[in-house]
Every structure is written in structure tokens, then in C-alpha cells.
Amino acid sequence: MKKIFFALLAAPFFLLSCEGPAGPPGPAGADGLIGEVHEVTATFTSANNFSVDYDFQGQAIEEGDKIVGFIQDGGQDNQGNYNWEPLPQTFFDNGNTYVFTFNFSRTGFTLFLDGNANPGLISSTKRTDRLFRMMIVPAWLVGKVDLNNMQDIMAKMGAEESDINIIH
């Protein structure tokens, strides 16, 4: 009796385990850039209206992703690592106030130098060959990371120095 019961119980599994045509394909994956770091060198002059545009070569970041920026301030810490300051970054020169800032869209970003006086009056060392890191922070990470701390963002994205996309 046990053998008959087992045979009746196992029969549906043997009869139903067959192959058929493949099912429909799943939804397409998301296009766009996810969690990247771009390093750019920018020079701000009256010829470029003290702003520099960059695009993501036809790609677009995901809806909800955020771009945060940092400027290298020229100093180094005790271990020899360069100091990076979050944007916007305000500084004072000859009694005037200036700010490095940026805006972004899903397809690129623009860096600006603005102030309460003509930025062309600032020493060229403060306006030329300035190094910035612009980070695309995925939406899922935005609330879980200190957006003013470049090392924290890179660590949580799993990005290394070798992963940085250099744009000059």
C-alpha cells in the first residue's frame, strides 16, 4: 500500500516536469550612468563667462540620482592626501566674495565662478586649472551617505581612485 501511495504521490512530478518554449523576456535594464566619479580641470575666464559645461556623452543619469561636487583646495592632510571641499565653496579675495558652484541636469553639469565683483579681478591661480570631482550618487544611496564627504560617498559606492573618469 505504501508503494502505491508513493507512486501516486510522485506521478504528478514526473508528468509535469517537461520543457516547453522559453517565456517572454524580462523588462530591459536601466540605461544611464550609475554611481560614477568624474574628475575635471576647469579654467574660468571672461571668454567662457566664468562657467564650464560638461556632458555625459549622450548618456543620462537615472531619475532621482544626485550629482555632488568637490573642489581640490590645494592643501594636503597628514598622510599626503589632497583635501577636497564640497561645492558650493565660498572664498574671499581683496574684500570681495566669490563662490564656486554648479548645477546639473540628467545629461551633464555646469561649473560656475560667481561673486559680488568681476571674477576676472581674481588672481589667475584661483581661476585656472582648478580640479573638481563630480560624483553621480545613485538615488538609493542619497539618504544613506554624507553628501559633504567625498571619501564616504566613494566608499559606499565601492569606487576606487582607479575608477575615476578623468575629463580634461
N, C-alpha and C. Protein backbone atom coordinates (compact mmCIF):
# COMPACT_ATOMS: atom_id res chain seq x y z
N MET A 1 0.80 -1.18 0.00
CA MET A 1 0.00 0.00 0.00
C MET A 1 0.86 1.27 0.00
N LYS A 2 1.97 1.22 0.77
CA LYS A 2 2.85 2.36 0.82
C LYS A 2 3.46 2.63 -0.55
N LYS A 3 3.78 1.56 -1.30
CA LYS A 3 4.37 1.73 -2.61
C LYS A 3 3.38 2.37 -3.58
N ILE A 4 2.14 1.99 -3.52
CA ILE A 4 1.12 2.57 -4.39
C ILE A 4 0.90 4.04 -4.03
N PHE A 5 0.84 4.33 -2.73
CA PHE A 5 0.66 5.71 -2.28
C PHE A 5 1.81 6.60 -2.76
N PHE A 6 3.04 6.09 -2.63
CA PHE A 6 4.21 6.85 -3.07
C PHE A 6 4.18 7.05 -4.59
N ALA A 7 3.80 6.04 -5.33
CA ALA A 7 3.72 6.14 -6.79
C ALA A 7 2.68 7.17 -7.20
N LEU A 8 1.53 7.17 -6.56
CA LEU A 8 0.50 8.16 -6.87
C LEU A 8 0.94 9.58 -6.50
N LEU A 9 1.68 9.70 -5.41
CA LEU A 9 2.16 11.00 -4.97
C LEU A 9 3.26 11.54 -5.89
N ALA A 10 4.14 10.68 -6.37
CA ALA A 10 5.27 11.09 -7.20
C ALA A 10 4.91 11.25 -8.67
N ALA A 11 3.86 10.62 -9.14
CA ALA A 11 3.49 10.64 -10.56
C ALA A 11 3.29 12.05 -11.11
N PRO A 12 2.60 12.96 -10.41
CA PRO A 12 2.43 14.30 -10.98
C PRO A 12 3.76 15.02 -11.23
N PHE A 13 4.74 14.80 -10.36
CA PHE A 13 6.04 15.47 -10.55
C PHE A 13 6.74 14.98 -11.80
N PHE A 14 6.64 13.68 -12.08
CA PHE A 14 7.27 13.15 -13.28
C PHE A 14 6.52 13.57 -14.54
N LEU A 15 5.22 13.67 -14.47
CA LEU A 15 4.43 14.02 -15.63
C LEU A 15 4.49 15.53 -15.94
N LEU A 16 4.66 16.35 -14.93
CA LEU A 16 4.65 17.79 -15.12
C LEU A 16 6.04 18.38 -15.37
N SER A 17 7.08 17.63 -15.15
CA SER A 17 8.42 18.19 -15.32
C SER A 17 8.88 17.99 -16.75
N CYS A 18 8.40 18.88 -17.61
CA CYS A 18 8.79 18.81 -19.01
C CYS A 18 9.25 20.19 -19.46
N GLU A 19 9.90 20.23 -20.60
CA GLU A 19 10.38 21.51 -21.12
C GLU A 19 9.43 22.03 -22.17
N GLY A 20 9.33 23.34 -22.19
CA GLY A 20 8.49 23.98 -23.18
C GLY A 20 9.24 25.17 -23.77
N PRO A 21 8.57 25.99 -24.54
CA PRO A 21 9.23 27.16 -25.12
C PRO A 21 9.61 28.17 -24.02
N ALA A 22 10.63 28.96 -24.30
CA ALA A 22 11.07 29.97 -23.35
C ALA A 22 9.99 31.03 -23.17
N GLY A 23 9.89 31.55 -21.98
CA GLY A 23 8.91 32.59 -21.69
C GLY A 23 9.33 33.91 -22.30
N PRO A 24 8.49 34.91 -22.14
CA PRO A 24 8.82 36.23 -22.70
C PRO A 24 10.02 36.83 -21.96
N PRO A 25 10.79 37.68 -22.64
CA PRO A 25 11.94 38.30 -21.97
C PRO A 25 11.48 39.27 -20.89
N GLY A 26 12.31 39.45 -19.88
CA GLY A 26 12.02 40.38 -18.80
C GLY A 26 12.18 41.81 -19.27
N PRO A 27 11.85 42.75 -18.40
CA PRO A 27 12.00 44.16 -18.78
C PRO A 27 13.47 44.53 -18.99
N ALA A 28 13.69 45.48 -19.86
CA ALA A 28 15.05 45.92 -20.13
C ALA A 28 15.65 46.57 -18.89
N GLY A 29 16.95 46.43 -18.73
CA GLY A 29 17.64 47.08 -17.62
C GLY A 29 17.67 48.58 -17.83
N ALA A 30 17.98 49.29 -16.76
CA ALA A 30 18.02 50.75 -16.84
C ALA A 30 19.22 51.21 -17.65
N ASP A 31 19.01 52.15 -18.56
CA ASP A 31 20.11 52.77 -19.28
C ASP A 31 20.60 53.93 -18.44
N GLY A 32 21.82 54.34 -18.68
CA GLY A 32 22.32 55.52 -17.99
C GLY A 32 23.51 55.22 -17.13
N LEU A 33 23.97 56.25 -16.44
CA LEU A 33 25.14 56.16 -15.59
C LEU A 33 24.70 55.92 -14.16
N ILE A 34 25.44 55.09 -13.44
CA ILE A 34 25.09 54.78 -12.07
C ILE A 34 26.35 54.87 -11.21
N GLY A 35 26.35 55.76 -10.24
CA GLY A 35 27.42 55.83 -9.27
C GLY A 35 28.80 56.04 -9.84
N GLU A 36 29.00 57.11 -10.58
CA GLU A 36 30.30 57.37 -11.17
C GLU A 36 30.94 58.61 -10.57
N VAL A 37 32.26 58.69 -10.73
CA VAL A 37 33.03 59.85 -10.29
C VAL A 37 33.77 60.40 -11.51
N HIS A 38 33.59 61.69 -11.77
CA HIS A 38 34.25 62.36 -12.89
C HIS A 38 35.17 63.44 -12.32
N GLU A 39 36.41 63.46 -12.79
CA GLU A 39 37.35 64.50 -12.39
C GLU A 39 37.57 65.42 -13.57
N VAL A 40 37.38 66.71 -13.35
CA VAL A 40 37.52 67.68 -14.42
C VAL A 40 38.45 68.81 -13.99
N THR A 41 39.19 69.32 -14.95
CA THR A 41 40.01 70.50 -14.74
C THR A 41 39.33 71.64 -15.48
N ALA A 42 39.03 72.71 -14.76
CA ALA A 42 38.28 73.82 -15.35
C ALA A 42 39.05 75.12 -15.20
N THR A 43 38.95 75.96 -16.22
CA THR A 43 39.51 77.31 -16.20
C THR A 43 38.37 78.28 -16.43
N PHE A 44 38.27 79.28 -15.58
CA PHE A 44 37.18 80.24 -15.62
C PHE A 44 37.72 81.59 -16.11
N THR A 45 37.20 82.03 -17.26
CA THR A 45 37.64 83.30 -17.85
C THR A 45 36.42 84.07 -18.33
N SER A 46 36.66 85.32 -18.72
CA SER A 46 35.55 86.10 -19.28
C SER A 46 35.12 85.51 -20.62
N ALA A 47 36.04 84.86 -21.34
CA ALA A 47 35.70 84.25 -22.63
C ALA A 47 34.65 83.15 -22.49
N ASN A 48 34.67 82.40 -21.38
CA ASN A 48 33.66 81.35 -21.18
C ASN A 48 32.60 81.78 -20.16
N ASN A 49 32.55 83.10 -19.91
CA ASN A 49 31.57 83.67 -18.99
C ASN A 49 31.70 83.05 -17.59
N PHE A 50 32.92 82.65 -17.23
CA PHE A 50 33.23 82.08 -15.93
C PHE A 50 32.39 80.86 -15.62
N SER A 51 32.12 80.05 -16.66
CA SER A 51 31.39 78.79 -16.49
C SER A 51 31.89 77.78 -17.50
N VAL A 52 31.82 76.52 -17.13
CA VAL A 52 32.31 75.44 -17.99
C VAL A 52 31.26 74.32 -17.97
N ASP A 53 30.86 73.87 -19.18
CA ASP A 53 29.85 72.81 -19.32
C ASP A 53 30.51 71.47 -19.61
N TYR A 54 29.93 70.42 -19.05
CA TYR A 54 30.35 69.04 -19.32
C TYR A 54 29.10 68.21 -19.54
N ASP A 55 29.20 67.23 -20.44
CA ASP A 55 28.06 66.34 -20.62
C ASP A 55 28.52 64.90 -20.46
N PHE A 56 27.57 64.01 -20.39
CA PHE A 56 27.85 62.59 -20.18
C PHE A 56 27.84 61.81 -21.49
N GLN A 57 28.29 62.41 -22.56
CA GLN A 57 28.43 61.80 -23.88
C GLN A 57 27.19 61.02 -24.30
N GLY A 58 26.04 61.69 -24.23
CA GLY A 58 24.81 61.08 -24.72
C GLY A 58 24.11 60.19 -23.71
N GLN A 59 24.72 59.90 -22.60
CA GLN A 59 24.09 59.10 -21.54
C GLN A 59 23.29 60.03 -20.64
N ALA A 60 22.45 59.45 -19.82
CA ALA A 60 21.68 60.23 -18.85
C ALA A 60 21.72 59.53 -17.51
N ILE A 61 21.77 60.32 -16.44
CA ILE A 61 21.71 59.70 -15.13
C ILE A 61 20.27 59.31 -14.84
N GLU A 62 20.09 58.40 -13.93
CA GLU A 62 18.76 57.93 -13.57
C GLU A 62 17.97 59.02 -12.86
N GLU A 63 16.67 58.99 -13.03
CA GLU A 63 15.77 59.90 -12.32
C GLU A 63 15.97 59.67 -10.82
N GLY A 64 16.15 60.73 -10.07
CA GLY A 64 16.35 60.62 -8.63
C GLY A 64 17.81 60.59 -8.20
N ASP A 65 18.72 60.30 -9.13
CA ASP A 65 20.14 60.36 -8.79
C ASP A 65 20.52 61.80 -8.54
N LYS A 66 21.59 62.01 -7.82
CA LYS A 66 22.03 63.36 -7.47
C LYS A 66 23.50 63.50 -7.86
N ILE A 67 23.87 64.70 -8.26
CA ILE A 67 25.28 64.98 -8.52
C ILE A 67 25.77 65.90 -7.41
N VAL A 68 26.86 65.52 -6.80
CA VAL A 68 27.51 66.36 -5.80
C VAL A 68 28.91 66.67 -6.29
N GLY A 69 29.42 67.84 -5.93
CA GLY A 69 30.71 68.27 -6.43
C GLY A 69 31.67 68.64 -5.31
N PHE A 70 32.95 68.50 -5.62
CA PHE A 70 34.03 68.84 -4.70
C PHE A 70 35.12 69.56 -5.48
N ILE A 71 35.80 70.49 -4.81
CA ILE A 71 36.92 71.19 -5.41
C ILE A 71 38.17 70.89 -4.58
N GLN A 72 39.27 70.65 -5.27
CA GLN A 72 40.53 70.43 -4.56
C GLN A 72 41.04 71.78 -4.09
N ASP A 73 41.31 71.88 -2.80
CA ASP A 73 41.70 73.19 -2.28
C ASP A 73 43.21 73.41 -2.27
N GLY A 74 43.99 72.44 -2.69
CA GLY A 74 45.44 72.61 -2.78
C GLY A 74 46.20 72.11 -1.58
N GLY A 75 45.54 72.00 -0.41
CA GLY A 75 46.21 71.50 0.78
C GLY A 75 46.21 69.99 0.83
N GLN A 76 47.00 69.46 1.77
CA GLN A 76 47.06 68.01 1.96
C GLN A 76 46.92 67.69 3.45
N ASP A 77 46.42 66.48 3.73
CA ASP A 77 46.32 66.05 5.11
C ASP A 77 47.66 65.45 5.57
N ASN A 78 47.69 64.90 6.79
CA ASN A 78 48.94 64.35 7.35
C ASN A 78 49.47 63.14 6.59
N GLN A 79 48.61 62.46 5.84
CA GLN A 79 49.03 61.29 5.07
C GLN A 79 49.38 61.65 3.63
N GLY A 80 49.34 62.92 3.27
CA GLY A 80 49.67 63.34 1.91
C GLY A 80 48.52 63.29 0.93
N ASN A 81 47.30 63.06 1.42
CA ASN A 81 46.12 63.05 0.55
C ASN A 81 45.64 64.48 0.35
N TYR A 82 45.21 64.79 -0.89
CA TYR A 82 44.70 66.12 -1.17
C TYR A 82 43.38 66.37 -0.44
N ASN A 83 43.18 67.59 -0.04
CA ASN A 83 41.93 67.98 0.60
C ASN A 83 40.92 68.38 -0.46
N TRP A 84 39.70 67.89 -0.30
CA TRP A 84 38.59 68.20 -1.20
C TRP A 84 37.50 68.86 -0.39
N GLU A 85 37.00 69.98 -0.89
CA GLU A 85 35.94 70.73 -0.22
C GLU A 85 34.66 70.61 -1.02
N PRO A 86 33.51 70.43 -0.33
CA PRO A 86 32.24 70.30 -1.07
C PRO A 86 31.83 71.62 -1.71
N LEU A 87 31.15 71.51 -2.84
CA LEU A 87 30.59 72.68 -3.51
C LEU A 87 29.17 72.90 -3.00
N PRO A 88 28.72 74.12 -2.90
CA PRO A 88 29.42 75.34 -3.30
C PRO A 88 30.52 75.68 -2.30
N GLN A 89 31.56 76.34 -2.77
CA GLN A 89 32.71 76.74 -1.95
C GLN A 89 32.92 78.24 -2.08
N THR A 90 32.82 78.94 -0.97
CA THR A 90 32.95 80.40 -0.95
C THR A 90 34.35 80.78 -0.51
N PHE A 91 34.91 81.81 -1.14
CA PHE A 91 36.20 82.35 -0.71
C PHE A 91 36.19 83.86 -0.87
N PHE A 92 37.15 84.48 -0.22
CA PHE A 92 37.24 85.95 -0.19
C PHE A 92 38.54 86.37 -0.84
N ASP A 93 38.49 87.45 -1.63
CA ASP A 93 39.68 87.94 -2.32
C ASP A 93 39.58 89.47 -2.42
N ASN A 94 40.54 90.15 -1.84
CA ASN A 94 40.58 91.62 -1.88
C ASN A 94 39.25 92.26 -1.44
N GLY A 95 38.67 91.73 -0.38
CA GLY A 95 37.43 92.29 0.15
C GLY A 95 36.18 91.87 -0.60
N ASN A 96 36.30 91.05 -1.61
CA ASN A 96 35.15 90.58 -2.38
C ASN A 96 34.86 89.11 -2.05
N THR A 97 33.62 88.71 -2.27
CA THR A 97 33.19 87.34 -2.01
C THR A 97 32.94 86.64 -3.34
N TYR A 98 33.48 85.42 -3.47
CA TYR A 98 33.32 84.62 -4.68
C TYR A 98 32.88 83.21 -4.29
N VAL A 99 32.26 82.55 -5.23
CA VAL A 99 31.81 81.19 -4.95
C VAL A 99 31.98 80.31 -6.19
N PHE A 100 32.51 79.11 -5.98
CA PHE A 100 32.50 78.06 -6.99
C PHE A 100 31.25 77.25 -6.72
N THR A 101 30.42 77.09 -7.72
CA THR A 101 29.19 76.33 -7.57
C THR A 101 28.89 75.58 -8.86
N PHE A 102 27.76 74.89 -8.93
CA PHE A 102 27.41 74.12 -10.13
C PHE A 102 25.92 73.89 -10.16
N ASN A 103 25.45 73.50 -11.33
CA ASN A 103 24.11 72.96 -11.47
C ASN A 103 24.22 71.73 -12.35
N PHE A 104 23.15 70.93 -12.38
CA PHE A 104 23.21 69.71 -13.19
C PHE A 104 21.84 69.37 -13.73
N SER A 105 21.90 68.57 -14.78
CA SER A 105 20.69 68.00 -15.37
C SER A 105 20.95 66.50 -15.47
N ARG A 106 20.05 65.79 -16.08
CA ARG A 106 20.24 64.34 -16.23
C ARG A 106 21.33 64.02 -17.24
N THR A 107 21.75 65.00 -18.06
CA THR A 107 22.73 64.71 -19.11
C THR A 107 24.07 65.43 -18.94
N GLY A 108 24.24 66.22 -17.88
CA GLY A 108 25.52 66.90 -17.69
C GLY A 108 25.48 67.88 -16.54
N PHE A 109 26.55 68.66 -16.43
CA PHE A 109 26.64 69.64 -15.35
C PHE A 109 27.43 70.86 -15.83
N THR A 110 27.24 71.98 -15.13
CA THR A 110 27.95 73.22 -15.42
C THR A 110 28.59 73.72 -14.14
N LEU A 111 29.88 74.04 -14.20
CA LEU A 111 30.60 74.65 -13.09
C LEU A 111 30.62 76.15 -13.28
N PHE A 112 30.47 76.90 -12.19
CA PHE A 112 30.43 78.36 -12.25
C PHE A 112 31.39 78.97 -11.25
N LEU A 113 31.90 80.13 -11.61
CA LEU A 113 32.60 81.01 -10.67
C LEU A 113 31.81 82.31 -10.66
N ASP A 114 31.30 82.69 -9.51
CA ASP A 114 30.46 83.88 -9.42
C ASP A 114 30.89 84.68 -8.19
N GLY A 115 30.50 85.93 -8.15
CA GLY A 115 30.84 86.74 -7.00
C GLY A 115 30.17 88.09 -7.01
N ASN A 116 30.47 88.88 -5.97
CA ASN A 116 29.88 90.20 -5.87
C ASN A 116 30.70 91.24 -6.65
N ALA A 117 31.77 90.80 -7.28
CA ALA A 117 32.58 91.66 -8.15
C ALA A 117 33.02 90.82 -9.35
N ASN A 118 33.58 91.45 -10.34
CA ASN A 118 34.01 90.77 -11.56
C ASN A 118 35.01 89.65 -11.22
N PRO A 119 34.69 88.38 -11.51
CA PRO A 119 35.62 87.29 -11.23
C PRO A 119 36.95 87.42 -11.98
N GLY A 120 36.97 88.22 -13.04
CA GLY A 120 38.21 88.44 -13.77
C GLY A 120 39.26 89.18 -12.95
N LEU A 121 38.86 89.79 -11.85
CA LEU A 121 39.79 90.50 -10.97
C LEU A 121 40.53 89.55 -10.02
N ILE A 122 40.05 88.31 -9.93
CA ILE A 122 40.68 87.32 -9.05
C ILE A 122 42.00 86.87 -9.68
N SER A 123 42.97 86.59 -8.84
CA SER A 123 44.24 86.04 -9.32
C SER A 123 43.99 84.84 -10.22
N SER A 124 44.74 84.76 -11.31
CA SER A 124 44.55 83.65 -12.25
C SER A 124 44.81 82.29 -11.60
N THR A 125 45.60 82.22 -10.56
CA THR A 125 45.85 80.93 -9.89
C THR A 125 44.58 80.39 -9.23
N LYS A 126 43.64 81.27 -8.90
CA LYS A 126 42.38 80.82 -8.32
C LYS A 126 41.34 80.47 -9.39
N ARG A 127 41.58 80.89 -10.64
CA ARG A 127 40.60 80.69 -11.70
C ARG A 127 41.02 79.65 -12.74
N THR A 128 42.29 79.33 -12.85
CA THR A 128 42.75 78.45 -13.93
C THR A 128 43.16 77.08 -13.40
N ASP A 129 42.89 76.10 -14.22
CA ASP A 129 43.28 74.71 -13.92
C ASP A 129 42.83 74.25 -12.53
N ARG A 130 41.59 74.56 -12.20
CA ARG A 130 41.03 74.12 -10.92
C ARG A 130 40.49 72.71 -11.07
N LEU A 131 40.77 71.87 -10.11
CA LEU A 131 40.41 70.46 -10.17
C LEU A 131 39.13 70.21 -9.37
N PHE A 132 38.16 69.57 -10.04
CA PHE A 132 36.86 69.25 -9.43
C PHE A 132 36.59 67.77 -9.57
N ARG A 133 35.87 67.22 -8.62
CA ARG A 133 35.34 65.86 -8.74
C ARG A 133 33.83 65.96 -8.61
N MET A 134 33.17 65.49 -9.64
CA MET A 134 31.71 65.50 -9.68
C MET A 134 31.24 64.04 -9.57
N MET A 135 30.41 63.79 -8.59
CA MET A 135 30.01 62.41 -8.28
C MET A 135 28.53 62.21 -8.54
N ILE A 136 28.23 61.17 -9.31
CA ILE A 136 26.84 60.78 -9.54
C ILE A 136 26.49 59.80 -8.44
N VAL A 137 25.63 60.24 -7.53
CA VAL A 137 25.24 59.42 -6.39
C VAL A 137 23.89 58.78 -6.71
N PRO A 138 23.83 57.44 -6.74
CA PRO A 138 22.55 56.78 -7.04
C PRO A 138 21.47 57.15 -6.02
N ALA A 139 20.23 57.21 -6.48
CA ALA A 139 19.11 57.62 -5.63
C ALA A 139 19.02 56.76 -4.37
N TRP A 140 19.28 55.47 -4.47
CA TRP A 140 19.17 54.59 -3.31
C TRP A 140 20.20 54.91 -2.23
N LEU A 141 21.27 55.62 -2.61
CA LEU A 141 22.35 55.93 -1.67
C LEU A 141 22.24 57.34 -1.09
N VAL A 142 21.45 58.22 -1.72
CA VAL A 142 21.41 59.64 -1.36
C VAL A 142 21.14 59.83 0.14
N GLY A 143 20.19 59.16 0.72
CA GLY A 143 19.87 59.34 2.13
C GLY A 143 20.73 58.54 3.09
N LYS A 144 21.67 57.77 2.56
CA LYS A 144 22.47 56.88 3.39
C LYS A 144 23.95 57.26 3.45
N VAL A 145 24.27 58.45 2.94
CA VAL A 145 25.67 58.84 2.86
C VAL A 145 25.79 60.33 3.19
N ASP A 146 26.95 60.71 3.71
CA ASP A 146 27.23 62.12 3.98
C ASP A 146 27.63 62.78 2.66
N LEU A 147 26.74 63.58 2.09
CA LEU A 147 26.99 64.17 0.78
C LEU A 147 28.07 65.25 0.80
N ASN A 148 28.58 65.60 1.97
CA ASN A 148 29.68 66.55 2.07
C ASN A 148 31.02 65.85 2.29
N ASN A 149 31.03 64.52 2.23
CA ASN A 149 32.24 63.75 2.49
C ASN A 149 32.54 62.87 1.28
N MET A 150 33.51 63.28 0.47
CA MET A 150 33.83 62.56 -0.76
C MET A 150 34.28 61.12 -0.48
N GLN A 151 35.07 60.91 0.55
CA GLN A 151 35.56 59.56 0.86
C GLN A 151 34.41 58.64 1.27
N ASP A 152 33.44 59.18 2.02
CA ASP A 152 32.29 58.38 2.43
C ASP A 152 31.47 57.97 1.22
N ILE A 153 31.24 58.91 0.31
CA ILE A 153 30.47 58.60 -0.90
C ILE A 153 31.18 57.53 -1.72
N MET A 154 32.47 57.71 -1.94
CA MET A 154 33.22 56.74 -2.75
C MET A 154 33.22 55.36 -2.09
N ALA A 155 33.39 55.31 -0.78
CA ALA A 155 33.40 54.03 -0.09
C ALA A 155 32.05 53.32 -0.21
N LYS A 156 30.97 54.05 -0.05
CA LYS A 156 29.65 53.43 -0.10
C LYS A 156 29.24 53.07 -1.53
N MET A 157 29.82 53.73 -2.53
CA MET A 157 29.57 53.35 -3.93
C MET A 157 30.50 52.22 -4.35
N GLY A 158 31.53 51.96 -3.56
CA GLY A 158 32.51 50.95 -3.93
C GLY A 158 33.49 51.46 -4.98
N ALA A 159 33.65 52.79 -5.08
CA ALA A 159 34.53 53.38 -6.09
C ALA A 159 35.94 53.54 -5.54
N GLU A 160 36.91 53.25 -6.37
CA GLU A 160 38.32 53.42 -6.05
C GLU A 160 38.88 54.57 -6.88
N GLU A 161 40.05 55.06 -6.52
CA GLU A 161 40.71 56.12 -7.30
C GLU A 161 40.86 55.71 -8.76
N SER A 162 41.12 54.43 -9.00
CA SER A 162 41.31 53.95 -10.37
C SER A 162 40.01 53.96 -11.18
N ASP A 163 38.86 54.09 -10.52
CA ASP A 163 37.56 54.12 -11.20
C ASP A 163 37.17 55.52 -11.67
N ILE A 164 37.93 56.53 -11.28
CA ILE A 164 37.57 57.92 -11.60
C ILE A 164 37.76 58.19 -13.09
N ASN A 165 36.74 58.75 -13.71
CA ASN A 165 36.78 59.11 -15.12
C ASN A 165 37.39 60.51 -15.23
N ILE A 166 38.58 60.60 -15.81
CA ILE A 166 39.28 61.88 -15.93
C ILE A 166 38.82 62.58 -17.22
N ILE A 167 38.30 63.80 -17.07
CA ILE A 167 37.87 64.62 -18.21
C ILE A 167 38.67 65.90 -18.16
N HIS A 168 39.43 66.18 -19.21
CA HIS A 168 40.21 67.44 -19.21
C HIS A 168 39.90 68.27 -20.42
